[in-house]
């Protein structure tokens, strides 16, 4: 059986033109992450549990100060 195609969701922090963005791919056994400017490259992939752990960490850590 062929896996379902990725369903890409773009970040809410995308540029207005949508070309400077991070997208998350859902609908596969793994979670995909890609830079929309590098559409010809394969996405980085993570097991769902690792992706959820990453999200939990970045949402509880608070904003990172800009340098």
Protein backbone atom coordinates (compact mmCIF):
# COMPACT_ATOMS: atom_id res chain seq x y z
CA UNK A 1 0.00 0.00 0.00
CA UNK A 2 1.33 3.45 -0.93
CA UNK A 3 1.42 6.02 1.89
CA UNK A 4 -0.86 9.02 1.57
CA UNK A 5 0.79 12.14 0.14
CA UNK A 6 2.15 14.76 2.48
CA UNK A 7 -0.33 17.41 3.59
CA UNK A 8 1.90 20.45 4.09
CA UNK A 9 1.00 23.08 6.68
CA UNK A 10 2.93 26.35 6.63
CA UNK A 11 4.05 28.25 9.68
CA UNK A 12 1.94 31.17 10.86
CA UNK A 13 5.20 33.18 10.76
CA UNK A 14 5.58 32.91 6.97
CA UNK A 15 6.43 35.94 4.91
CA UNK A 16 3.41 37.53 3.16
CA UNK A 17 4.49 36.04 -0.18
CA UNK A 18 4.79 32.58 1.41
CA UNK A 19 8.23 31.92 -0.05
CA UNK A 20 10.21 32.27 3.18
CA UNK A 21 8.63 29.63 5.32
CA UNK A 22 8.89 26.40 7.25
CA UNK A 23 6.29 23.77 6.45
CA UNK A 24 5.33 20.62 8.36
CA UNK A 25 4.17 17.58 6.43
CA UNK A 26 1.44 15.42 7.90
CA UNK A 27 -0.27 12.28 6.63
CA UNK A 28 2.70 9.91 6.59
CA UNK A 29 4.08 7.51 9.18
CA UNK A 30 6.71 10.21 9.84
CA UNK A 31 6.40 13.99 10.25
CA UNK A 32 8.20 15.97 7.54
CA UNK A 33 9.75 19.42 7.92
CA UNK A 34 10.93 21.48 4.96
CA UNK A 35 12.06 24.93 3.96
CA UNK A 36 9.71 26.17 1.24
CA UNK A 37 12.63 27.77 -0.60
CA UNK A 38 14.20 24.31 -1.00
CA UNK A 39 11.22 22.51 -2.48
CA UNK A 40 13.36 20.15 -4.55
CA UNK A 41 15.10 18.74 -1.48
CA UNK A 42 13.57 15.91 0.54
CA UNK A 43 12.09 16.94 3.89
CA UNK A 44 13.68 16.19 7.23
CA UNK A 45 11.64 13.44 8.83
CA UNK A 46 10.92 12.61 12.45
CA UNK A 47 8.91 9.95 14.27
CA UNK A 48 5.68 11.52 15.60
CA UNK A 49 6.73 11.05 19.25
CA UNK A 50 9.97 12.97 18.65
CA UNK A 51 8.11 15.76 16.83
CA UNK A 52 5.63 16.08 19.70
CA UNK A 53 8.50 16.18 22.21
CA UNK A 54 10.14 18.96 20.18
CA UNK A 55 6.89 20.94 20.07
CA UNK A 56 6.39 20.51 23.82
CA UNK A 57 9.91 21.78 24.48
CA UNK A 58 9.74 24.85 22.25
CA UNK A 59 6.29 25.86 23.47
CA UNK A 60 7.26 25.66 27.16
CA UNK A 61 10.72 27.18 26.81
CA UNK A 62 9.39 30.61 25.92
CA UNK A 63 10.73 32.92 23.25
CA UNK A 64 14.44 32.91 22.55
CA UNK A 65 16.01 36.37 22.95
CA UNK A 66 17.24 37.83 19.68
CA UNK A 67 20.90 38.63 19.50
